[in-house]
N, C-alpha and C. Protein backbone atom coordinates (compact mmCIF):
# COMPACT_ATOMS: atom_id res chain seq x y z
N MET A 1 22.55 8.84 85.73
CA MET A 1 21.39 9.45 86.49
C MET A 1 20.88 8.32 87.47
N HIS A 2 20.17 8.68 88.62
CA HIS A 2 19.63 7.97 89.48
C HIS A 2 18.46 7.26 88.93
N PRO A 3 18.39 5.96 89.07
CA PRO A 3 17.21 5.43 88.22
C PRO A 3 15.81 5.87 88.59
N SER A 4 15.63 6.44 89.86
CA SER A 4 14.42 7.18 90.02
C SER A 4 13.91 8.41 89.30
N VAL A 5 14.83 8.91 88.73
CA VAL A 5 14.52 10.14 87.74
C VAL A 5 13.88 9.61 86.61
N PRO A 6 12.59 10.21 86.24
CA PRO A 6 11.90 9.73 85.17
C PRO A 6 12.52 9.97 83.60
N ALA A 7 13.42 10.67 83.49
CA ALA A 7 13.91 11.17 82.29
C ALA A 7 14.62 9.87 81.62
N LYS A 8 14.30 9.65 80.47
CA LYS A 8 14.88 8.48 79.66
C LYS A 8 15.79 8.86 78.70
N SER A 9 16.01 10.11 78.44
CA SER A 9 16.93 10.77 77.35
C SER A 9 17.35 12.19 77.78
N LEU A 10 18.21 12.63 77.21
CA LEU A 10 18.85 14.03 77.44
C LEU A 10 17.67 15.09 77.33
N GLN A 11 16.95 14.97 76.25
CA GLN A 11 16.02 15.88 75.91
C GLN A 11 14.90 15.99 77.01
N GLU A 12 14.63 14.66 77.66
CA GLU A 12 13.63 14.60 78.70
C GLU A 12 14.24 15.30 80.02
N LEU A 13 15.49 15.03 80.26
CA LEU A 13 16.09 15.58 81.41
C LEU A 13 15.91 17.21 81.45
N ILE A 14 16.30 17.71 80.13
CA ILE A 14 16.11 19.22 79.97
C ILE A 14 14.72 19.72 80.26
N LYS A 15 13.88 18.91 79.65
CA LYS A 15 12.44 19.44 80.12
C LYS A 15 12.08 19.27 81.43
N LEU A 16 12.49 18.08 82.13
CA LEU A 16 12.36 18.05 83.49
C LEU A 16 12.86 19.06 84.41
N SER A 17 13.97 19.44 84.00
CA SER A 17 14.76 20.51 84.84
C SER A 17 14.02 21.89 84.69
N ARG A 18 13.17 22.02 83.70
CA ARG A 18 12.43 23.26 83.58
C ARG A 18 11.10 23.37 84.52
N SER A 19 10.86 22.17 85.10
CA SER A 19 9.60 22.10 86.04
C SER A 19 10.05 21.53 87.34
N HIS A 20 11.23 21.00 87.52
CA HIS A 20 11.60 20.52 88.75
C HIS A 20 13.08 20.90 89.12
N PRO A 21 13.26 21.42 90.29
CA PRO A 21 14.73 21.65 90.60
C PRO A 21 15.64 20.53 90.55
N LEU A 22 16.74 20.50 89.88
CA LEU A 22 17.57 19.23 89.86
C LEU A 22 19.00 19.89 90.12
N ALA A 23 19.87 18.79 90.69
CA ALA A 23 21.18 18.98 90.98
C ALA A 23 22.06 18.07 90.30
N TYR A 24 23.25 18.26 90.00
CA TYR A 24 24.11 17.21 89.47
C TYR A 24 25.46 17.29 90.32
N ALA A 25 25.99 16.01 90.45
CA ALA A 25 27.19 15.74 91.11
C ALA A 25 28.40 15.94 90.12
N SER A 26 29.53 16.22 90.56
CA SER A 26 30.79 16.08 89.61
C SER A 26 31.88 15.78 90.59
N PRO A 27 33.09 15.35 89.80
CA PRO A 27 34.16 15.08 90.74
C PRO A 27 34.99 16.41 91.18
N GLY A 28 34.23 17.45 91.09
CA GLY A 28 34.94 18.69 91.70
C GLY A 28 34.89 19.90 90.66
N ILE A 29 35.03 21.02 91.30
CA ILE A 29 35.08 22.26 90.37
C ILE A 29 36.33 22.38 89.60
N GLY A 30 35.83 22.70 88.27
CA GLY A 30 36.95 22.76 87.23
C GLY A 30 37.48 21.43 86.69
N THR A 31 36.73 20.38 87.01
CA THR A 31 37.11 19.04 86.27
C THR A 31 36.58 19.09 84.98
N SER A 32 37.04 18.11 84.13
CA SER A 32 36.33 18.01 82.75
C SER A 32 34.90 17.73 82.87
N PRO A 33 34.43 16.74 83.64
CA PRO A 33 32.99 16.50 83.91
C PRO A 33 32.27 17.71 84.12
N HIS A 34 32.85 18.49 85.30
CA HIS A 34 32.14 19.80 85.82
C HIS A 34 31.97 20.74 84.47
N LEU A 35 32.96 20.93 83.84
CA LEU A 35 32.99 22.16 82.63
C LEU A 35 32.27 21.43 81.47
N SER A 36 32.25 20.16 81.30
CA SER A 36 31.36 19.56 80.14
C SER A 36 30.02 19.88 80.48
N MET A 37 29.46 19.51 81.70
CA MET A 37 28.05 19.86 82.04
C MET A 37 27.75 21.26 82.13
N GLU A 38 28.57 22.19 82.39
CA GLU A 38 28.39 23.70 82.42
C GLU A 38 28.12 23.94 81.00
N ARG A 39 29.03 23.60 80.01
CA ARG A 39 28.90 23.75 78.60
C ARG A 39 27.44 23.32 78.14
N LEU A 40 26.96 22.24 78.52
CA LEU A 40 25.71 21.72 78.30
C LEU A 40 24.51 22.50 78.79
N LYS A 41 24.80 22.87 79.94
CA LYS A 41 23.79 23.67 80.75
C LYS A 41 23.58 25.03 79.93
N THR A 42 24.72 25.74 79.33
CA THR A 42 24.48 26.88 78.56
C THR A 42 23.75 26.67 77.18
N LEU A 43 24.25 25.51 76.56
CA LEU A 43 23.58 25.26 75.23
C LEU A 43 22.06 24.85 75.24
N ALA A 44 21.81 24.10 76.55
CA ALA A 44 20.39 23.50 76.51
C ALA A 44 19.63 24.45 77.40
N LYS A 45 20.07 25.43 77.86
CA LYS A 45 19.44 26.31 78.96
C LYS A 45 18.88 25.43 80.00
N LEU A 46 19.65 24.42 80.38
CA LEU A 46 19.41 23.57 81.38
C LEU A 46 19.43 24.06 82.70
N ASP A 47 18.47 24.07 83.58
CA ASP A 47 18.54 24.58 84.94
C ASP A 47 18.84 23.46 85.90
N ILE A 48 20.06 23.50 86.25
CA ILE A 48 20.57 22.52 87.35
C ILE A 48 21.77 22.98 87.96
N THR A 49 21.81 22.63 89.26
CA THR A 49 22.69 23.02 90.24
C THR A 49 23.95 22.05 90.32
N HIS A 50 25.09 22.62 90.40
CA HIS A 50 26.25 21.93 90.48
C HIS A 50 26.56 21.49 92.00
N VAL A 51 26.85 20.28 92.35
CA VAL A 51 27.28 20.02 93.53
C VAL A 51 28.53 19.14 93.59
N PRO A 52 29.71 19.85 93.88
CA PRO A 52 31.13 19.14 93.65
C PRO A 52 31.41 18.25 94.66
N TYR A 53 31.96 17.20 94.37
CA TYR A 53 32.39 16.21 95.35
C TYR A 53 33.62 15.59 95.04
N GLN A 54 34.32 14.80 95.72
CA GLN A 54 35.43 13.96 95.36
C GLN A 54 35.01 12.94 94.46
N PRO A 55 35.78 12.30 93.56
CA PRO A 55 35.29 11.50 92.45
C PRO A 55 34.40 10.22 92.98
N ALA A 56 34.97 9.46 94.02
CA ALA A 56 34.12 8.44 94.35
C ALA A 56 32.94 8.75 95.20
N GLN A 57 33.03 9.93 95.89
CA GLN A 57 31.77 10.45 96.61
C GLN A 57 30.76 10.89 95.81
N ALA A 58 31.17 11.31 94.63
CA ALA A 58 30.15 11.96 93.60
C ALA A 58 29.36 10.70 93.03
N VAL A 59 29.88 9.47 92.90
CA VAL A 59 29.12 8.22 92.53
C VAL A 59 28.33 7.83 93.54
N THR A 60 28.82 7.79 94.83
CA THR A 60 28.06 7.38 96.18
C THR A 60 27.07 8.34 96.34
N ALA A 61 27.12 9.60 95.99
CA ALA A 61 26.01 10.64 96.13
C ALA A 61 24.79 10.24 95.15
N LEU A 62 25.19 9.95 93.97
CA LEU A 62 24.06 9.55 93.11
C LEU A 62 23.38 8.30 93.39
N ILE A 63 24.27 7.26 93.74
CA ILE A 63 23.59 6.01 94.11
C ILE A 63 22.68 6.09 95.36
N GLY A 64 23.15 6.97 96.30
CA GLY A 64 22.41 7.15 97.58
C GLY A 64 21.27 7.93 97.45
N GLY A 65 21.13 8.68 96.11
CA GLY A 65 20.10 9.56 95.86
C GLY A 65 20.18 10.90 96.59
N GLU A 66 21.49 11.23 96.87
CA GLU A 66 21.72 12.67 97.33
C GLU A 66 21.50 13.64 96.20
N THR A 67 22.22 13.25 95.00
CA THR A 67 21.79 14.13 93.76
C THR A 67 21.22 13.01 92.69
N PRO A 68 20.30 13.62 91.87
CA PRO A 68 19.61 12.83 90.93
C PRO A 68 20.45 12.59 89.69
N VAL A 69 21.42 13.44 89.29
CA VAL A 69 22.24 13.36 88.23
C VAL A 69 23.83 13.46 88.39
N LEU A 70 24.53 12.84 87.60
CA LEU A 70 25.94 12.74 87.85
C LEU A 70 26.60 13.04 86.39
N SER A 71 27.63 13.87 86.47
CA SER A 71 28.62 14.10 85.28
C SER A 71 30.00 13.57 85.87
N ILE A 72 30.51 12.52 85.38
CA ILE A 72 31.70 11.86 85.73
C ILE A 72 32.14 11.06 84.33
N SER A 73 33.46 10.63 84.53
CA SER A 73 34.09 9.76 83.50
C SER A 73 33.43 8.45 83.55
N VAL A 74 33.11 7.96 82.33
CA VAL A 74 32.61 6.67 82.03
C VAL A 74 33.28 5.38 83.05
N SER A 75 34.63 5.52 82.89
CA SER A 75 35.47 4.47 83.83
C SER A 75 34.88 4.47 85.09
N ILE A 76 34.64 5.45 85.81
CA ILE A 76 34.29 5.49 87.18
C ILE A 76 32.97 4.83 87.60
N GLN A 77 31.94 5.30 86.57
CA GLN A 77 30.69 4.76 86.89
C GLN A 77 30.37 3.42 85.96
N LEU A 78 31.22 2.90 85.14
CA LEU A 78 30.77 1.84 84.31
C LEU A 78 30.21 0.54 85.21
N PRO A 79 30.80 0.10 86.29
CA PRO A 79 30.26 -1.07 86.96
C PRO A 79 28.87 -0.83 87.53
N HIS A 80 28.64 0.44 87.85
CA HIS A 80 27.42 0.77 88.47
C HIS A 80 26.34 0.78 87.50
N ILE A 81 26.77 1.30 86.24
CA ILE A 81 25.82 1.33 84.99
C ILE A 81 25.33 -0.12 84.68
N LYS A 82 26.37 -1.05 84.66
CA LYS A 82 26.06 -2.53 84.14
C LYS A 82 25.45 -3.06 85.46
N ALA A 83 25.54 -2.64 86.54
CA ALA A 83 24.82 -3.28 87.85
C ALA A 83 23.21 -2.68 87.80
N GLY A 84 22.99 -1.60 87.05
CA GLY A 84 21.68 -1.13 87.12
C GLY A 84 21.52 -0.20 88.10
N LYS A 85 22.61 0.46 88.89
CA LYS A 85 22.37 1.31 89.91
C LYS A 85 22.33 2.79 89.44
N ILE A 86 22.97 2.93 88.15
CA ILE A 86 23.03 4.16 87.41
C ILE A 86 22.34 3.97 86.11
N ARG A 87 21.58 5.16 85.45
CA ARG A 87 21.21 4.90 84.17
C ARG A 87 22.05 6.03 83.43
N ALA A 88 22.70 5.67 82.26
CA ALA A 88 23.39 6.55 81.52
C ALA A 88 22.48 7.16 80.44
N LEU A 89 22.44 8.43 80.34
CA LEU A 89 21.62 9.14 79.30
C LEU A 89 22.47 9.45 78.06
N ALA A 90 23.73 9.88 78.26
CA ALA A 90 24.49 10.33 77.19
C ALA A 90 25.82 10.27 77.40
N VAL A 91 26.82 10.12 76.33
CA VAL A 91 28.29 10.31 76.61
C VAL A 91 28.48 11.72 76.00
N THR A 92 29.58 12.23 76.46
CA THR A 92 29.93 13.61 75.88
C THR A 92 30.84 13.58 74.80
N SER A 93 31.45 12.46 74.26
CA SER A 93 32.34 12.35 73.21
C SER A 93 31.54 12.42 71.94
N ALA A 94 32.32 12.84 70.76
CA ALA A 94 31.60 12.87 69.54
C ALA A 94 31.22 11.49 69.07
N GLN A 95 31.73 10.42 69.52
CA GLN A 95 31.34 9.07 69.19
C GLN A 95 30.97 8.31 70.32
N ARG A 96 30.14 7.39 70.16
CA ARG A 96 29.67 6.54 71.28
C ARG A 96 30.65 5.85 71.74
N ALA A 97 30.73 5.60 73.24
CA ALA A 97 31.70 4.81 73.99
C ALA A 97 31.57 3.35 73.61
N ALA A 98 32.70 2.89 73.32
CA ALA A 98 32.85 1.34 73.08
C ALA A 98 32.26 0.62 74.23
N SER A 99 32.31 0.98 75.48
CA SER A 99 31.99 0.25 76.54
C SER A 99 30.45 0.53 76.77
N LEU A 100 29.82 1.47 76.14
CA LEU A 100 28.37 1.82 76.31
C LEU A 100 27.75 1.94 74.84
N PRO A 101 27.79 1.10 74.04
CA PRO A 101 27.53 1.25 72.64
C PRO A 101 25.84 1.55 72.32
N ASP A 102 25.21 1.35 73.38
CA ASP A 102 23.63 1.79 73.30
C ASP A 102 23.41 3.18 73.85
N VAL A 103 24.41 3.73 74.23
CA VAL A 103 24.15 5.07 75.08
C VAL A 103 24.46 6.08 73.99
N PRO A 104 23.41 6.88 73.60
CA PRO A 104 23.67 7.98 72.52
C PRO A 104 24.56 9.18 72.91
N THR A 105 25.30 9.75 72.03
CA THR A 105 26.17 10.96 72.41
C THR A 105 25.24 12.06 72.69
N VAL A 106 25.70 13.16 73.26
CA VAL A 106 25.00 14.45 73.39
C VAL A 106 24.64 14.99 72.02
N ALA A 107 25.55 14.92 71.13
CA ALA A 107 25.45 15.36 69.77
C ALA A 107 24.19 14.65 69.00
N GLU A 108 24.25 13.41 69.19
CA GLU A 108 23.02 12.76 68.62
C GLU A 108 21.57 13.15 69.21
N GLN A 109 21.78 13.71 70.34
CA GLN A 109 20.38 14.15 71.19
C GLN A 109 20.16 15.54 70.89
N GLY A 110 20.58 16.36 69.79
CA GLY A 110 19.97 17.43 69.47
C GLY A 110 21.24 18.56 69.63
N PHE A 111 22.43 18.33 70.03
CA PHE A 111 23.52 19.31 70.21
C PHE A 111 24.84 19.01 69.24
N LYS A 112 24.37 19.27 67.93
CA LYS A 112 25.48 18.87 67.03
C LYS A 112 26.77 19.61 67.05
N GLY A 113 28.04 18.72 67.01
CA GLY A 113 29.21 19.20 67.18
C GLY A 113 29.71 19.09 68.64
N TYR A 114 28.79 18.66 69.50
CA TYR A 114 29.34 18.75 70.93
C TYR A 114 30.24 17.48 71.07
N ASP A 115 31.40 17.76 71.52
CA ASP A 115 32.45 16.80 71.75
C ASP A 115 33.38 17.15 72.81
N GLU A 116 33.07 16.61 74.15
CA GLU A 116 33.77 16.87 75.19
C GLU A 116 34.45 15.63 75.72
N LEU A 117 35.90 15.70 75.95
CA LEU A 117 36.59 14.59 76.40
C LEU A 117 37.17 14.73 77.75
N ASN A 118 37.21 13.70 78.51
CA ASN A 118 38.01 13.49 79.65
C ASN A 118 39.35 12.92 79.22
N TRP A 119 40.31 13.74 78.90
CA TRP A 119 41.51 13.15 78.16
C TRP A 119 42.79 13.06 79.05
N PHE A 120 43.82 12.21 78.79
CA PHE A 120 44.96 12.06 79.39
C PHE A 120 46.06 12.42 78.36
N GLY A 121 47.14 12.90 78.89
CA GLY A 121 48.34 13.11 77.80
C GLY A 121 49.59 13.05 78.65
N ILE A 122 50.53 12.77 77.97
CA ILE A 122 51.92 12.61 78.62
C ILE A 122 52.65 13.95 78.03
N PHE A 123 53.36 14.59 78.90
CA PHE A 123 54.03 15.89 78.58
C PHE A 123 55.42 15.67 79.13
N GLY A 124 56.31 16.33 78.33
CA GLY A 124 57.87 16.43 78.85
C GLY A 124 58.16 17.73 79.03
N PRO A 125 59.57 17.93 79.59
CA PRO A 125 59.94 19.42 79.78
C PRO A 125 60.18 20.13 78.52
N ALA A 126 60.08 21.39 78.72
CA ALA A 126 60.20 22.25 77.54
C ALA A 126 61.60 22.17 76.98
N GLY A 127 61.80 21.97 75.71
CA GLY A 127 63.16 22.00 75.12
C GLY A 127 63.56 20.52 75.22
N MET A 128 62.69 19.40 75.36
CA MET A 128 63.17 18.24 75.14
C MET A 128 63.47 17.97 73.61
N PRO A 129 64.59 17.13 73.34
CA PRO A 129 65.04 17.05 72.04
C PRO A 129 63.90 16.27 71.23
N ALA A 130 63.58 16.77 69.98
CA ALA A 130 62.63 16.30 69.16
C ALA A 130 62.91 14.61 69.10
N ALA A 131 63.97 14.25 69.00
CA ALA A 131 64.28 12.81 68.79
C ALA A 131 63.85 12.00 70.14
N THR A 132 64.04 12.60 71.10
CA THR A 132 63.54 11.92 72.50
C THR A 132 62.24 11.88 72.52
N ALA A 133 61.53 12.92 72.15
CA ALA A 133 59.97 13.22 72.17
C ALA A 133 59.46 12.21 71.26
N GLY A 134 60.00 12.05 70.04
CA GLY A 134 59.44 11.13 68.93
C GLY A 134 59.63 9.69 69.32
N ARG A 135 60.72 9.36 70.15
CA ARG A 135 60.86 7.99 70.65
C ARG A 135 59.74 7.65 71.74
N LEU A 136 59.66 8.48 72.58
CA LEU A 136 58.47 8.35 73.56
C LEU A 136 57.26 8.12 73.12
N ASN A 137 56.91 9.07 72.00
CA ASN A 137 55.61 8.86 71.37
C ASN A 137 55.54 7.52 70.76
N THR A 138 56.44 7.07 70.04
CA THR A 138 56.35 5.84 69.33
C THR A 138 56.31 4.68 70.41
N GLU A 139 57.02 4.67 71.64
CA GLU A 139 56.87 3.61 72.56
C GLU A 139 55.58 3.63 73.26
N ILE A 140 54.97 4.90 73.42
CA ILE A 140 53.75 4.93 74.27
C ILE A 140 52.66 4.42 73.25
N ASN A 141 52.66 4.87 71.96
CA ASN A 141 51.83 4.23 71.07
C ASN A 141 51.76 2.81 70.82
N ARG A 142 52.85 2.21 70.86
CA ARG A 142 52.98 0.89 70.80
C ARG A 142 52.59 -0.03 72.12
N ALA A 143 52.72 0.77 73.24
CA ALA A 143 52.24 0.11 74.57
C ALA A 143 50.58 0.18 74.47
N LEU A 144 50.06 1.20 73.71
CA LEU A 144 48.59 1.26 73.74
C LEU A 144 48.10 0.22 72.91
N GLU A 145 48.88 -0.18 71.87
CA GLU A 145 48.33 -1.15 70.90
C GLU A 145 48.57 -2.69 71.56
N SER A 146 49.13 -2.82 72.54
CA SER A 146 49.28 -4.09 73.07
C SER A 146 48.12 -4.83 73.51
N PRO A 147 47.81 -6.08 73.25
CA PRO A 147 46.48 -6.55 73.76
C PRO A 147 46.14 -6.37 75.13
N ASP A 148 47.25 -6.56 76.03
CA ASP A 148 46.88 -6.30 77.50
C ASP A 148 46.45 -5.02 77.87
N VAL A 149 47.15 -3.98 77.30
CA VAL A 149 46.69 -2.63 77.68
C VAL A 149 45.41 -2.35 77.07
N ARG A 150 45.14 -2.65 75.86
CA ARG A 150 43.86 -2.49 75.25
C ARG A 150 42.61 -3.27 75.96
N GLU A 151 43.09 -4.41 76.42
CA GLU A 151 41.98 -5.06 77.27
C GLU A 151 41.58 -4.49 78.51
N LYS A 152 42.78 -3.99 79.34
CA LYS A 152 42.49 -3.17 80.75
C LYS A 152 41.80 -1.92 80.35
N LEU A 153 42.17 -1.10 79.26
CA LEU A 153 41.60 0.11 78.96
C LEU A 153 40.05 -0.24 78.84
N GLY A 154 39.74 -1.18 77.96
CA GLY A 154 38.40 -1.44 77.76
C GLY A 154 37.57 -1.99 78.95
N GLN A 155 38.28 -2.57 79.84
CA GLN A 155 37.57 -3.02 81.16
C GLN A 155 37.21 -1.64 81.86
N LEU A 156 38.00 -0.79 81.84
CA LEU A 156 37.84 0.62 82.53
C LEU A 156 37.01 1.50 81.77
N GLY A 157 36.39 1.09 80.68
CA GLY A 157 35.50 2.00 79.72
C GLY A 157 36.29 2.97 79.16
N LEU A 158 37.60 3.06 78.93
CA LEU A 158 38.43 4.07 78.34
C LEU A 158 38.64 3.61 76.76
N ASP A 159 38.41 4.64 76.13
CA ASP A 159 38.72 4.51 74.61
C ASP A 159 40.07 5.26 74.47
N PHE A 160 40.79 4.99 73.40
CA PHE A 160 42.03 5.65 73.26
C PHE A 160 42.30 6.07 71.75
N ARG A 161 43.08 7.07 71.53
CA ARG A 161 43.43 7.33 70.17
C ARG A 161 44.92 7.52 70.15
N ARG A 162 45.49 6.82 69.06
CA ARG A 162 46.85 7.00 68.83
C ARG A 162 46.96 8.39 68.14
N ASN A 163 48.10 9.15 68.62
CA ASN A 163 48.37 10.57 68.21
C ASN A 163 49.93 10.58 67.94
N SER A 164 50.14 11.25 66.77
CA SER A 164 51.55 11.64 66.54
C SER A 164 51.84 13.02 67.48
N LEU A 165 52.98 13.38 67.35
CA LEU A 165 53.27 14.59 68.35
C LEU A 165 52.66 15.76 67.69
N ALA A 166 52.57 15.98 66.42
CA ALA A 166 51.97 16.95 65.83
C ALA A 166 50.35 16.84 65.89
N GLU A 167 49.83 15.76 66.00
CA GLU A 167 48.33 15.71 66.37
C GLU A 167 48.06 16.07 67.74
N PHE A 168 48.71 15.53 68.67
CA PHE A 168 48.63 15.77 69.93
C PHE A 168 48.71 17.30 70.21
N ALA A 169 49.72 17.80 69.70
CA ALA A 169 50.17 19.35 69.91
C ALA A 169 48.78 20.23 69.29
N ALA A 170 48.27 19.81 68.20
CA ALA A 170 47.10 20.55 67.61
C ALA A 170 46.03 20.29 68.53
N PHE A 171 45.84 19.10 69.11
CA PHE A 171 44.62 18.87 69.85
C PHE A 171 44.67 19.83 71.10
N VAL A 172 45.96 20.05 71.68
CA VAL A 172 46.07 20.73 73.00
C VAL A 172 45.90 22.25 72.64
N ARG A 173 46.38 22.69 71.51
CA ARG A 173 46.18 24.08 70.99
C ARG A 173 44.80 24.47 71.04
N VAL A 174 43.98 23.52 70.70
CA VAL A 174 42.56 23.86 70.58
C VAL A 174 41.73 23.61 71.96
N GLU A 175 42.25 22.60 72.67
CA GLU A 175 41.57 22.28 73.90
C GLU A 175 41.82 23.15 75.09
N VAL A 176 43.12 23.85 75.26
CA VAL A 176 43.38 24.65 76.29
C VAL A 176 42.51 25.80 76.28
N PRO A 177 42.43 26.68 75.07
CA PRO A 177 41.48 27.89 75.10
C PRO A 177 40.08 27.49 75.26
N LYS A 178 39.61 26.37 74.84
CA LYS A 178 38.23 25.87 75.01
C LYS A 178 37.96 25.66 76.53
N GLN A 179 38.88 25.01 77.14
CA GLN A 179 38.77 24.72 78.55
C GLN A 179 38.92 26.04 79.39
N ALA A 180 39.62 26.88 78.97
CA ALA A 180 39.82 28.26 79.75
C ALA A 180 38.50 29.10 79.56
N LYS A 181 37.82 28.88 78.39
CA LYS A 181 36.74 29.66 78.23
C LYS A 181 35.54 29.07 79.03
N ALA A 182 35.56 27.76 79.32
CA ALA A 182 34.60 27.07 79.97
C ALA A 182 34.68 27.43 81.45
N VAL A 183 36.06 27.53 81.79
CA VAL A 183 36.13 27.83 83.37
C VAL A 183 35.71 29.27 83.56
N LYS A 184 36.05 30.38 82.73
CA LYS A 184 35.53 31.55 82.71
C LYS A 184 34.14 31.58 82.82
N ASP A 185 33.50 31.00 81.76
CA ASP A 185 31.99 31.15 81.54
C ASP A 185 31.28 30.43 82.88
N SER A 186 31.86 29.26 83.58
CA SER A 186 31.09 28.79 84.66
C SER A 186 31.37 29.47 85.95
N GLY A 187 32.27 30.32 85.89
CA GLY A 187 32.68 31.06 87.23
C GLY A 187 33.56 30.41 88.25
N ALA A 188 34.11 29.22 87.77
CA ALA A 188 34.86 28.23 88.75
C ALA A 188 35.98 29.29 89.10
N LYS A 189 36.36 29.02 90.30
CA LYS A 189 37.41 29.82 91.00
C LYS A 189 38.53 28.64 91.67
N VAL A 190 39.81 28.87 91.58
CA VAL A 190 40.59 28.19 92.59
C VAL A 190 40.45 28.51 93.97
N GLU A 191 40.14 27.51 94.78
CA GLU A 191 40.16 27.80 96.27
C GLU A 191 41.16 27.11 96.84
């Protein structure tokens, strides 16, 4: 959030949106940050207008005061938060971000069960042999455990979870319908 906005918590932002028109920047229509904010708008009855940008332009729009609120991955805004150019009100994951331990989650601020991630996964072609997929999973998890990779992910404000093939498949089975519903509910269209 732009430092000039008087809200110091998510609940204060919700209250402010009911008396002052607000807009939020995101890194584009249909992105995880856009859909996450649209879900929050519905849950909180938050009156705020979406303004899509390219990722770097969304941050620039917030810092320059074009939009007072921003919904985007922690990694992109972390240097600006640390420099005091952006004020973080909430993280959308179920747990606080390791890179922003003092910033409460959306769930902690009155929206129990809210857990939205900007996640990355590695997929292979359909029909990939189970042994090959298992070996790739093992090696990717091993790489994620290396001190150099962990340090770099931490510098970027990215948390990671080790997943087995079954755990990741179960996550995707839940996430895809959830995201499809969010797209439908938001009215987002491919242009």
